[in-house]
Amino acid sequence: MGEIAVEQCIHTIEYFLGCISHTASYLRLWALSLAHAELSEVLWTMILRIGLQSGSAPGFVILWLVFVPWAAFTVGVLLLMEGLSAFLHALRLHWVEFQSKFYKGEGYQFIPFSFQQILEQAENPDQL
């Protein structure tokens, strides 16, 4: 009976630690999303809004010359951030949630491949 109580206490602690881990993982995704939104706002405020306030023809030409690199940079950065967000979400789902629910750690110990070990076993076959 005591073993069952200890095992249940361990499972309870693991459950709460898993909940904290999942929350932290979602907070990372939220922070990335917040950074994405703020970066979009900063790029708009610093480049396009200033150019749109100019009402003259040279201001229009400068705006047009600035818009092309701005658009390429903005789309590149935002695309990179969205791709990173999707990658982190998939990684979190697979490694954090999936592994914590189904992985037991049972089986045999991993032994890395080694030519030296193979040669030693070939030289001394009776020491297996």
Protein backbone atom coordinates (compact mmCIF):
# COMPACT_ATOMS: atom_id res chain seq x y z
CA MET A 1 0.00 0.00 0.00
CA GLY A 2 2.88 2.36 0.81
CA GLU A 3 4.46 1.76 -2.60
CA ILE A 4 1.24 2.75 -4.33
CA ALA A 5 1.05 6.00 -2.33
CA VAL A 6 4.66 6.86 -3.15
CA GLU A 7 4.11 6.06 -6.83
CA GLN A 8 0.98 8.22 -6.91
CA CYS A 9 2.86 11.09 -5.27
CA ILE A 10 5.58 10.82 -7.91
CA HIS A 11 2.99 10.78 -10.71
CA THR A 12 1.27 13.82 -9.18
CA ILE A 13 4.55 15.74 -9.06
CA GLU A 14 5.32 14.75 -12.66
CA TYR A 15 1.85 15.87 -13.73
CA PHE A 16 2.23 19.32 -12.15
CA LEU A 17 5.72 19.74 -13.59
CA GLY A 18 4.32 18.77 -17.00
CA CYS A 19 1.58 21.40 -16.64
CA ILE A 20 4.18 24.05 -15.83
CA SER A 21 6.33 22.91 -18.76
CA HIS A 22 3.38 23.06 -21.18
CA THR A 23 2.45 26.53 -19.93
CA ALA A 24 6.02 27.75 -20.40
CA SER A 25 6.03 26.31 -23.90
CA TYR A 26 2.84 28.15 -24.81
CA LEU A 27 4.28 31.34 -23.29
CA ARG A 28 7.27 31.07 -25.63
CA LEU A 29 4.89 30.91 -28.59
CA TRP A 30 2.94 33.87 -27.22
CA ALA A 31 6.17 35.86 -26.83
CA LEU A 32 7.12 35.10 -30.43
CA SER A 33 3.69 36.22 -31.59
CA LEU A 34 3.98 39.42 -29.55
CA ALA A 35 7.42 40.11 -31.02
CA HIS A 36 5.97 39.55 -34.49
CA ALA A 37 3.20 42.11 -33.89
CA GLU A 38 5.54 44.67 -32.34
CA LEU A 39 8.08 44.32 -35.12
CA SER A 40 5.35 44.89 -37.69
CA GLU A 41 4.23 48.02 -35.84
CA VAL A 42 7.77 49.38 -35.54
CA LEU A 43 8.53 48.85 -39.23
CA TRP A 44 5.28 50.58 -40.19
CA THR A 45 5.87 53.49 -37.82
CA MET A 46 9.51 54.07 -38.70
CA ILE A 47 9.32 53.81 -42.48
CA LEU A 48 5.94 54.05 -44.14
CA ARG A 49 4.18 56.52 -41.87
CA ILE A 50 7.01 59.03 -42.19
CA GLY A 51 6.99 58.70 -45.98
CA LEU A 52 3.21 59.01 -46.25
CA GLN A 53 3.26 62.31 -44.35
CA SER A 54 5.25 63.94 -47.15
CA GLY A 55 2.85 65.42 -49.73
CA SER A 56 5.36 66.49 -52.37
CA ALA A 57 6.52 64.77 -55.57
CA PRO A 58 10.07 64.14 -54.26
CA GLY A 59 8.50 62.65 -51.14
CA PHE A 60 6.50 60.28 -53.36
CA VAL A 61 9.62 59.19 -55.25
CA ILE A 62 11.53 58.67 -52.00
CA LEU A 63 8.56 56.73 -50.61
CA TRP A 64 8.51 54.54 -53.72
CA LEU A 65 12.28 53.91 -53.50
CA VAL A 66 12.03 53.10 -49.81
CA PHE A 67 8.91 50.94 -50.14
CA VAL A 68 10.47 48.20 -52.27
CA PRO A 69 13.30 47.33 -49.86
CA TRP A 70 10.99 47.89 -46.89
CA ALA A 71 8.40 45.52 -48.31
CA ALA A 72 11.02 42.87 -49.08
CA PHE A 73 12.59 43.20 -45.64
CA THR A 74 9.26 43.22 -43.82
CA VAL A 75 7.86 40.24 -45.69
CA GLY A 76 11.12 38.35 -45.20
CA VAL A 77 11.29 38.99 -41.47
CA LEU A 78 7.60 38.28 -40.89
CA LEU A 79 7.74 35.13 -43.02
CA LEU A 80 10.76 33.96 -41.05
CA MET A 81 9.01 34.66 -37.75
CA GLU A 82 5.81 32.88 -38.85
CA GLY A 83 7.82 29.89 -40.03
CA LEU A 84 9.69 29.84 -36.73
CA SER A 85 6.40 30.04 -34.85
CA ALA A 86 4.94 27.09 -36.77
CA PHE A 87 8.16 25.12 -36.29
CA LEU A 88 8.22 25.79 -32.54
CA HIS A 89 4.57 24.85 -32.21
CA ALA A 90 5.08 21.53 -34.01
CA LEU A 91 8.24 20.85 -32.01
CA ARG A 92 6.46 21.65 -28.74
CA LEU A 93 3.56 19.38 -29.61
CA HIS A 94 5.84 16.51 -30.54
CA TRP A 95 8.54 16.67 -27.89
CA VAL A 96 6.91 18.32 -24.90
CA GLU A 97 3.36 17.03 -24.95
CA PHE A 98 3.60 13.78 -26.90
CA GLN A 99 6.74 12.49 -25.23
CA SER A 100 5.54 13.38 -21.73
CA LYS A 101 2.29 11.46 -22.25
CA PHE A 102 3.47 8.25 -23.90
CA TYR A 103 7.22 7.84 -23.41
CA LYS A 104 8.08 5.37 -20.62
CA GLY A 105 11.84 5.02 -21.01
CA GLU A 106 11.68 1.22 -21.01
CA GLY A 107 13.87 -0.92 -23.21
CA TYR A 108 17.59 -1.44 -23.50
CA GLN A 109 20.44 1.00 -23.10
CA PHE A 110 21.72 2.68 -26.26
CA ILE A 111 25.27 1.66 -27.18
CA PRO A 112 26.82 3.87 -29.85
CA PHE A 113 28.35 2.24 -32.92
CA SER A 114 32.08 1.72 -32.53
CA PHE A 115 34.52 0.03 -34.90
CA GLN A 116 36.97 -0.40 -32.03
CA GLN A 117 34.39 -2.38 -30.03
CA ILE A 118 33.62 -4.58 -33.06
CA LEU A 119 37.32 -5.33 -33.60
CA GLU A 120 37.81 -6.15 -29.91
CA GLN A 121 34.85 -8.55 -30.00
CA ALA A 122 36.24 -10.18 -33.17
CA GLU A 123 39.62 -10.71 -31.53
CA ASN A 124 38.13 -12.14 -28.31
CA PRO A 125 34.86 -13.89 -29.25
CA ASP A 126 34.67 -15.81 -25.95
CA GLN A 127 34.42 -12.60 -23.85
CA LEU A 128 30.89 -11.66 -25.03
